[in-house]
Amino acid sequence: MGRGRHAGYDDQRGMIVARAAALFAQRGYPATSMNEVAQACGLSKATLYHYYKDKYALLVSICDSHVTRLQAIVHEAVSHDAAPKQQLRELIRRLVEEYADAQDAQRVLTQDVKFLDDIDRLRILDKEREVVNGFARVVAALRPELGEAAMSKPLTMLLFGMVNWMFTWMRPDGALDYDDMAPIVPDLFLGGLKAVTAPATLDMTNDE
């Protein structure tokens, strides 16, 4: 029987992923070296390589762990027996709160996923699609007359566009932080959602 991993092993891996994500977000994946990651972590290169065999493995871990947490948020929120409006409010709130501690990982996922090989990139993009589809299904349940394929997905992408890029203008010393914004975003989205009508030119039978 193989040895179980010590809790400290996972803690160390988590620290390495967080520090590497900060460097990749600031400098970009191509411009960051494993030596710089080791220095940021206060580790020797030998110790760093004990946890991650190369920089590519770090990139995969950053992207995969981040999107997996987003999947968990969707699964937990929709598992509760709540009305669609409450589910959507909870989904948006949890998403904003997650981004408060994951700005670097989100930036890496947005900017550097293109450096993954086809298999890893498609696997992570599939997880992203699952997250988006989870939101879209709740939007469709809230406004079924808009058509799930025709309007719910575009509305969901508008929502993600609003949340995903908050890191570009949120400032640590700003008047509002992520905790402040967590209830504001669903208020804005839900308050405006009821005013949406499908364009007259839109084919509501389109399943794409």
C-alpha atoms as a PDB file:
ATOM      1  CA  MET A   1       0.000   0.000   0.000  1.00  0.00           C
ATOM      2  CA  GLY A   2       1.366   3.418  -0.942  1.00  0.00           C
ATOM      3  CA  ARG A   3       1.986   6.040   1.703  1.00  0.00           C
ATOM      4  CA  GLY A   4      -0.720   8.643   2.177  1.00  0.00           C
ATOM      5  CA  ARG A   5       0.305  12.218   1.609  1.00  0.00           C
ATOM      6  CA  HIS A   6       0.944  14.349   4.649  1.00  0.00           C
ATOM      7  CA  ALA A   7      -1.429  17.300   5.048  1.00  0.00           C
ATOM      8  CA  GLY A   8       1.575  19.604   4.824  1.00  0.00           C
ATOM      9  CA  TYR A   9       2.278  18.308   1.323  1.00  0.00           C
ATOM     10  CA  ASP A  10      -1.030  19.628   0.041  1.00  0.00           C
ATOM     11  CA  ASP A  11      -0.560  22.887   1.971  1.00  0.00           C
ATOM     12  CA  GLN A  12       2.830  23.344   0.326  1.00  0.00           C
ATOM     13  CA  ARG A  13       1.409  22.608  -3.106  1.00  0.00           C
ATOM     14  CA  GLY A  14      -1.349  25.136  -2.486  1.00  0.00           C
ATOM     15  CA  MET A  15       1.204  27.773  -1.520  1.00  0.00           C
ATOM     16  CA  ILE A  16       3.278  27.059  -4.623  1.00  0.00           C
ATOM     17  CA  VAL A  17       0.231  27.292  -6.893  1.00  0.00           C
ATOM     18  CA  ALA A  18      -0.812  30.608  -5.329  1.00  0.00           C
ATOM     19  CA  ARG A  19       2.671  32.157  -5.646  1.00  0.00           C
ATOM     20  CA  ALA A  20       3.096  30.876  -9.192  1.00  0.00           C
ATOM     21  CA  ALA A  21      -0.331  32.217 -10.160  1.00  0.00           C
ATOM     22  CA  ALA A  22       0.654  35.640  -8.823  1.00  0.00           C
ATOM     23  CA  LEU A  23       3.836  35.613 -10.912  1.00  0.00           C
ATOM     24  CA  PHE A  24       2.116  34.338 -14.062  1.00  0.00           C
ATOM     25  CA  ALA A  25      -0.624  36.944 -13.647  1.00  0.00           C
ATOM     26  CA  GLN A  26       1.894  39.746 -13.237  1.00  0.00           C
ATOM     27  CA  ARG A  27       4.566  38.753 -15.764  1.00  0.00           C
ATOM     28  CA  GLY A  28       2.861  36.233 -17.998  1.00  0.00           C
ATOM     29  CA  TYR A  29       3.510  32.510 -18.164  1.00  0.00           C
ATOM     30  CA  PRO A  30       6.245  32.618 -20.852  1.00  0.00           C
ATOM     31  CA  ALA A  31       8.280  35.270 -19.014  1.00  0.00           C
ATOM     32  CA  THR A  32       8.279  33.531 -15.619  1.00  0.00           C
ATOM     33  CA  SER A  33      10.975  31.000 -14.750  1.00  0.00           C
ATOM     34  CA  MET A  34      10.898  28.138 -12.265  1.00  0.00           C
ATOM     35  CA  ASN A  35      13.780  29.845 -10.474  1.00  0.00           C
ATOM     36  CA  GLU A  36      11.565  32.908  -9.916  1.00  0.00           C
ATOM     37  CA  VAL A  37       8.760  30.694  -8.653  1.00  0.00           C
ATOM     38  CA  ALA A  38      11.150  28.987  -6.233  1.00  0.00           C
ATOM     39  CA  GLN A  39      12.367  32.361  -4.949  1.00  0.00           C
ATOM     40  CA  ALA A  40       8.804  33.633  -4.498  1.00  0.00           C
ATOM     41  CA  CYS A  41       7.983  30.480  -2.520  1.00  0.00           C
ATOM     42  CA  GLY A  42      11.137  30.613  -0.416  1.00  0.00           C
ATOM     43  CA  LEU A  43      12.087  27.161  -1.672  1.00  0.00           C
ATOM     44  CA  SER A  44      15.092  25.642  -3.348  1.00  0.00           C
ATOM     45  CA  LYS A  45      14.626  24.633  -6.969  1.00  0.00           C
ATOM     46  CA  ALA A  46      15.101  21.005  -5.933  1.00  0.00           C
ATOM     47  CA  THR A  47      12.226  21.291  -3.458  1.00  0.00           C
ATOM     48  CA  LEU A  48      10.028  23.012  -6.032  1.00  0.00           C
ATOM     49  CA  TYR A  49      10.686  20.225  -8.547  1.00  0.00           C
ATOM     50  CA  HIS A  50       9.710  17.702  -5.873  1.00  0.00           C
ATOM     51  CA  TYR A  51       6.192  19.136  -6.057  1.00  0.00           C
ATOM     52  CA  TYR A  52       5.988  20.127  -9.734  1.00  0.00           C
ATOM     53  CA  LYS A  53       8.103  18.583 -12.449  1.00  0.00           C
ATOM     54  CA  ASP A  54       8.101  21.717 -14.609  1.00  0.00           C
ATOM     55  CA  LYS A  55       6.488  25.086 -15.243  1.00  0.00           C
ATOM     56  CA  TYR A  56       3.883  23.554 -17.516  1.00  0.00           C
ATOM     57  CA  ALA A  57       2.651  21.309 -14.700  1.00  0.00           C
ATOM     58  CA  LEU A  58       2.198  24.434 -12.594  1.00  0.00           C
ATOM     59  CA  LEU A  59       0.125  26.105 -15.304  1.00  0.00           C
ATOM     60  CA  VAL A  60      -2.113  23.045 -15.580  1.00  0.00           C
ATOM     61  CA  SER A  61      -2.552  22.932 -11.805  1.00  0.00           C
ATOM     62  CA  ILE A  62      -3.441  26.635 -11.566  1.00  0.00           C
ATOM     63  CA  CYS A  63      -6.053  26.467 -14.327  1.00  0.00           C
ATOM     64  CA  ASP A  64      -7.510  23.118 -13.349  1.00  0.00           C
ATOM     65  CA  SER A  65      -7.800  23.806  -9.613  1.00  0.00           C
ATOM     66  CA  HIS A  66      -9.441  27.187 -10.252  1.00  0.00           C
ATOM     67  CA  VAL A  67     -12.071  25.944 -12.672  1.00  0.00           C
ATOM     68  CA  THR A  68     -12.715  22.887 -10.477  1.00  0.00           C
ATOM     69  CA  ARG A  69     -13.565  25.214  -7.588  1.00  0.00           C
ATOM     70  CA  LEU A  70     -15.989  27.053  -9.883  1.00  0.00           C
ATOM     71  CA  GLN A  71     -17.602  23.726 -10.782  1.00  0.00           C
ATOM     72  CA  ALA A  72     -18.038  22.960  -7.088  1.00  0.00           C
ATOM     73  CA  ILE A  73     -19.768  26.316  -6.554  1.00  0.00           C
ATOM     74  CA  VAL A  74     -22.288  25.517  -9.292  1.00  0.00           C
ATOM     75  CA  HIS A  75     -22.922  21.997  -8.033  1.00  0.00           C
ATOM     76  CA  GLU A  76     -23.449  23.150  -4.456  1.00  0.00           C
ATOM     77  CA  ALA A  77     -25.711  26.074  -5.352  1.00  0.00           C
ATOM     78  CA  VAL A  78     -28.027  24.141  -7.659  1.00  0.00           C
ATOM     79  CA  SER A  79     -28.236  21.139  -5.325  1.00  0.00           C
ATOM     80  CA  HIS A  80     -30.341  23.134  -2.870  1.00  0.00           C
ATOM     81  CA  ASP A  81     -34.100  23.009  -3.296  1.00  0.00           C
ATOM     82  CA  ALA A  82     -34.536  26.725  -3.908  1.00  0.00           C
ATOM     83  CA  ALA A  83     -36.377  28.885  -6.416  1.00  0.00           C
ATOM     84  CA  PRO A  84     -34.381  29.762  -9.571  1.00  0.00           C
ATOM     85  CA  LYS A  85     -34.057  33.396  -8.483  1.00  0.00           C
ATOM     86  CA  GLN A  86     -32.502  32.399  -5.173  1.00  0.00           C
ATOM     87  CA  GLN A  87     -30.248  29.870  -6.879  1.00  0.00           C
ATOM     88  CA  LEU A  88     -29.010  32.477  -9.335  1.00  0.00           C
ATOM     89  CA  ARG A  89     -28.432  35.012  -6.577  1.00  0.00           C
ATOM     90  CA  GLU A  90     -26.445  32.424  -4.633  1.00  0.00           C
ATOM     91  CA  LEU A  91     -24.452  31.432  -7.724  1.00  0.00           C
ATOM     92  CA  ILE A  92     -23.494  35.018  -8.509  1.00  0.00           C
ATOM     93  CA  ARG A  93     -22.648  35.818  -4.891  1.00  0.00           C
ATOM     94  CA  ARG A  94     -20.449  32.737  -4.548  1.00  0.00           C
ATOM     95  CA  LEU A  95     -18.732  33.452  -7.868  1.00  0.00           C
ATOM     96  CA  VAL A  96     -17.844  37.016  -6.862  1.00  0.00           C
ATOM     97  CA  GLU A  97     -16.636  35.872  -3.445  1.00  0.00           C
ATOM     98  CA  GLU A  98     -14.473  33.169  -5.036  1.00  0.00           C
ATOM     99  CA  TYR A  99     -12.850  35.724  -7.320  1.00  0.00           C
ATOM    100  CA  ALA A 100     -11.919  37.833  -4.300  1.00  0.00           C
ATOM    101  CA  ASP A 101      -9.278  35.224  -3.446  1.00  0.00           C
ATOM    102  CA  ALA A 102      -8.634  33.970  -6.958  1.00  0.00           C
ATOM    103  CA  GLN A 103      -7.894  37.060  -9.031  1.00  0.00           C
ATOM    104  CA  ASP A 104      -4.475  35.748 -10.034  1.00  0.00           C
ATOM    105  CA  ALA A 105      -5.798  32.315 -11.002  1.00  0.00           C
ATOM    106  CA  GLN A 106      -8.617  33.897 -12.997  1.00  0.00           C
ATOM    107  CA  ARG A 107      -6.162  36.116 -14.850  1.00  0.00           C
ATOM    108  CA  VAL A 108      -3.973  33.097 -15.634  1.00  0.00           C
ATOM    109  CA  LEU A 109      -6.992  31.119 -16.835  1.00  0.00           C
ATOM    110  CA  THR A 110      -7.997  34.024 -19.067  1.00  0.00           C
ATOM    111  CA  GLN A 111      -4.551  34.904 -20.433  1.00  0.00           C
ATOM    112  CA  ASP A 112      -2.480  31.726 -20.396  1.00  0.00           C
ATOM    113  CA  VAL A 113      -4.829  28.831 -21.179  1.00  0.00           C
ATOM    114  CA  LYS A 114      -3.641  29.176 -24.783  1.00  0.00           C
ATOM    115  CA  PHE A 115      -0.257  27.784 -23.713  1.00  0.00           C
ATOM    116  CA  LEU A 116      -1.769  24.444 -22.701  1.00  0.00           C
ATOM    117  CA  ASP A 117      -1.572  21.524 -25.081  1.00  0.00           C
ATOM    118  CA  ASP A 118      -4.739  20.463 -26.852  1.00  0.00           C
ATOM    119  CA  ILE A 119      -5.722  17.716 -24.414  1.00  0.00           C
ATOM    120  CA  ASP A 120      -5.315  19.830 -21.274  1.00  0.00           C
ATOM    121  CA  ARG A 121      -6.825  22.940 -22.851  1.00  0.00           C
ATOM    122  CA  LEU A 122      -9.919  21.104 -24.089  1.00  0.00           C
ATOM    123  CA  ARG A 123     -10.370  19.363 -20.728  1.00  0.00           C
ATOM    124  CA  ILE A 124     -10.257  22.668 -18.853  1.00  0.00           C
ATOM    125  CA  LEU A 125     -12.448  24.422 -21.414  1.00  0.00           C
ATOM    126  CA  ASP A 126     -14.986  21.609 -21.034  1.00  0.00           C
ATOM    127  CA  LYS A 127     -15.059  22.302 -17.294  1.00  0.00           C
ATOM    128  CA  GLU A 128     -15.527  26.000 -18.010  1.00  0.00           C
ATOM    129  CA  ARG A 129     -18.438  25.191 -20.302  1.00  0.00           C
ATOM    130  CA  GLU A 130     -19.991  23.097 -17.565  1.00  0.00           C
ATOM    131  CA  VAL A 131     -19.811  26.095 -15.225  1.00  0.00           C
ATOM    132  CA  VAL A 132     -21.370  28.405 -17.821  1.00  0.00           C
ATOM    133  CA  ASN A 133     -24.075  25.863 -18.656  1.00  0.00           C
ATOM    134  CA  GLY A 134     -24.930  25.527 -14.975  1.00  0.00           C
ATOM    135  CA  PHE A 135     -25.558  29.258 -14.773  1.00  0.00           C
ATOM    136  CA  ALA A 136     -27.434  29.252 -18.091  1.00  0.00           C
ATOM    137  CA  ARG A 137     -29.827  26.552 -16.921  1.00  0.00           C
ATOM    138  CA  VAL A 138     -30.769  28.615 -13.873  1.00  0.00           C
ATOM    139  CA  VAL A 139     -31.244  31.723 -16.041  1.00  0.00           C
ATOM    140  CA  ALA A 140     -33.455  29.658 -18.362  1.00  0.00           C
ATOM    141  CA  ALA A 141     -35.513  28.427 -15.414  1.00  0.00           C
ATOM    142  CA  LEU A 142     -36.008  32.018 -14.300  1.00  0.00           C
ATOM    143  CA  ARG A 143     -36.992  33.319 -17.760  1.00  0.00           C
ATOM    144  CA  PRO A 144     -38.019  30.222 -19.779  1.00  0.00           C
ATOM    145  CA  GLU A 145     -39.795  32.294 -22.409  1.00  0.00           C
ATOM    146  CA  LEU A 146     -36.450  33.685 -23.565  1.00  0.00           C
ATOM    147  CA  GLY A 147     -35.352  30.274 -24.786  1.00  0.00           C
ATOM    148  CA  GLU A 148     -32.427  28.434 -23.224  1.00  0.00           C
ATOM    149  CA  ALA A 149     -30.318  28.230 -26.371  1.00  0.00           C
ATOM    150  CA  ALA A 150     -31.375  31.515 -27.920  1.00  0.00           C
ATOM    151  CA  MET A 151     -31.029  33.967 -25.025  1.00  0.00           C
ATOM    152  CA  SER A 152     -30.061  32.298 -21.743  1.00  0.00           C
ATOM    153  CA  LYS A 153     -26.495  31.531 -22.856  1.00  0.00           C
ATOM    154  CA  PRO A 154     -25.853  35.082 -24.154  1.00  0.00           C
ATOM    155  CA  LEU A 155     -27.273  36.538 -20.932  1.00  0.00           C
ATOM    156  CA  THR A 156     -25.033  34.222 -18.933  1.00  0.00           C
ATOM    157  CA  MET A 157     -21.992  35.278 -20.946  1.00  0.00           C
ATOM    158  CA  LEU A 158     -22.864  38.927 -20.252  1.00  0.00           C
ATOM    159  CA  LEU A 159     -22.932  38.055 -16.558  1.00  0.00           C
ATOM    160  CA  PHE A 160     -19.549  36.353 -16.727  1.00  0.00           C
ATOM    161  CA  GLY A 161     -18.180  39.279 -18.692  1.00  0.00           C
ATOM    162  CA  MET A 162     -19.226  41.547 -15.849  1.00  0.00           C
ATOM    163  CA  VAL A 163     -17.683  39.355 -13.148  1.00  0.00           C
ATOM    164  CA  ASN A 164     -14.621  37.898 -14.887  1.00  0.00           C
ATOM    165  CA  TRP A 165     -13.085  41.283 -15.572  1.00  0.00           C
ATOM    166  CA  MET A 166     -13.667  42.869 -12.177  1.00  0.00           C
ATOM    167  CA  PHE A 167      -9.983  42.348 -11.412  1.00  0.00           C
ATOM    168  CA  THR A 168      -9.118  44.926 -14.093  1.00  0.00           C
ATOM    169  CA  TRP A 169     -10.719  47.783 -12.164  1.00  0.00           C
ATOM    170  CA  MET A 170     -11.089  46.629  -8.555  1.00  0.00           C
ATOM    171  CA  ARG A 171      -8.400  48.189  -6.372  1.00  0.00           C
ATOM    172  CA  PRO A 172      -7.247  47.055  -2.904  1.00  0.00           C
ATOM    173  CA  ASP A 173      -7.589  50.628  -1.642  1.00  0.00           C
ATOM    174  CA  GLY A 174     -10.868  51.291  -3.496  1.00  0.00           C
ATOM    175  CA  ALA A 175     -14.148  52.310  -1.927  1.00  0.00           C
ATOM    176  CA  LEU A 176     -15.681  48.874  -2.620  1.00  0.00           C
ATOM    177  CA  ASP A 177     -14.214  45.414  -2.169  1.00  0.00           C
ATOM    178  CA  TYR A 178     -15.419  42.034  -3.401  1.00  0.00           C
ATOM    179  CA  ASP A 179     -17.536  41.487  -0.294  1.00  0.00           C
ATOM    180  CA  ASP A 180     -19.319  44.764  -1.050  1.00  0.00           C
ATOM    181  CA  MET A 181     -19.812  43.820  -4.688  1.00  0.00           C
ATOM    182  CA  ALA A 182     -21.065  40.276  -3.989  1.00  0.00           C
ATOM    183  CA  PRO A 183     -24.711  41.363  -3.421  1.00  0.00           C
ATOM    184  CA  ILE A 184     -24.555  44.274  -5.884  1.00  0.00           C
ATOM    185  CA  VAL A 185     -23.830  42.133  -8.945  1.00  0.00           C
ATOM    186  CA  PRO A 186     -26.896  39.872  -8.549  1.00  0.00           C
ATOM    187  CA  ASP A 187     -29.046  42.917  -7.742  1.00  0.00           C
ATOM    188  CA  LEU A 188     -27.907  44.541 -10.979  1.00  0.00           C
ATOM    189  CA  PHE A 189     -28.267  41.412 -13.080  1.00  0.00           C
ATOM    190  CA  LEU A 190     -31.615  40.323 -11.664  1.00  0.00           C
ATOM    191  CA  GLY A 191     -33.011  43.834 -11.652  1.00  0.00           C
ATOM    192  CA  GLY A 192     -32.183  44.260 -15.311  1.00  0.00           C
ATOM    193  CA  LEU A 193     -33.035  40.726 -16.349  1.00  0.00           C
ATOM    194  CA  LYS A 194     -36.777  41.232 -16.079  1.00  0.00           C
ATOM    195  CA  ALA A 195     -36.573  44.071 -18.588  1.00  0.00           C
ATOM    196  CA  VAL A 196     -34.911  41.931 -21.288  1.00  0.00           C
ATOM    197  CA  THR A 197     -36.846  40.993 -24.402  1.00  0.00           C
ATOM    198  CA  ALA A 198     -35.562  38.848 -27.217  1.00  0.00           C
ATOM    199  CA  PRO A 199     -34.792  40.741 -30.449  1.00  0.00           C
ATOM    200  CA  ALA A 200     -37.547  40.359 -33.045  1.00  0.00           C
ATOM    201  CA  THR A 201     -35.000  39.056 -35.538  1.00  0.00           C
ATOM    202  CA  LEU A 202     -33.778  36.253 -33.253  1.00  0.00           C
ATOM    203  CA  ASP A 203     -34.636  32.684 -34.215  1.00  0.00           C
ATOM    204  CA  MET A 204     -35.919  31.271 -30.919  1.00  0.00           C
ATOM    205  CA  THR A 205     -35.692  27.726 -32.295  1.00  0.00           C
ATOM    206  CA  ASN A 206     -31.927  27.965 -32.758  1.00  0.00           C
ATOM    207  CA  ASP A 207     -30.268  25.268 -30.634  1.00  0.00           C
ATOM    208  CA  GLU A 208     -26.663  26.298 -31.218  1.00  0.00           C
END
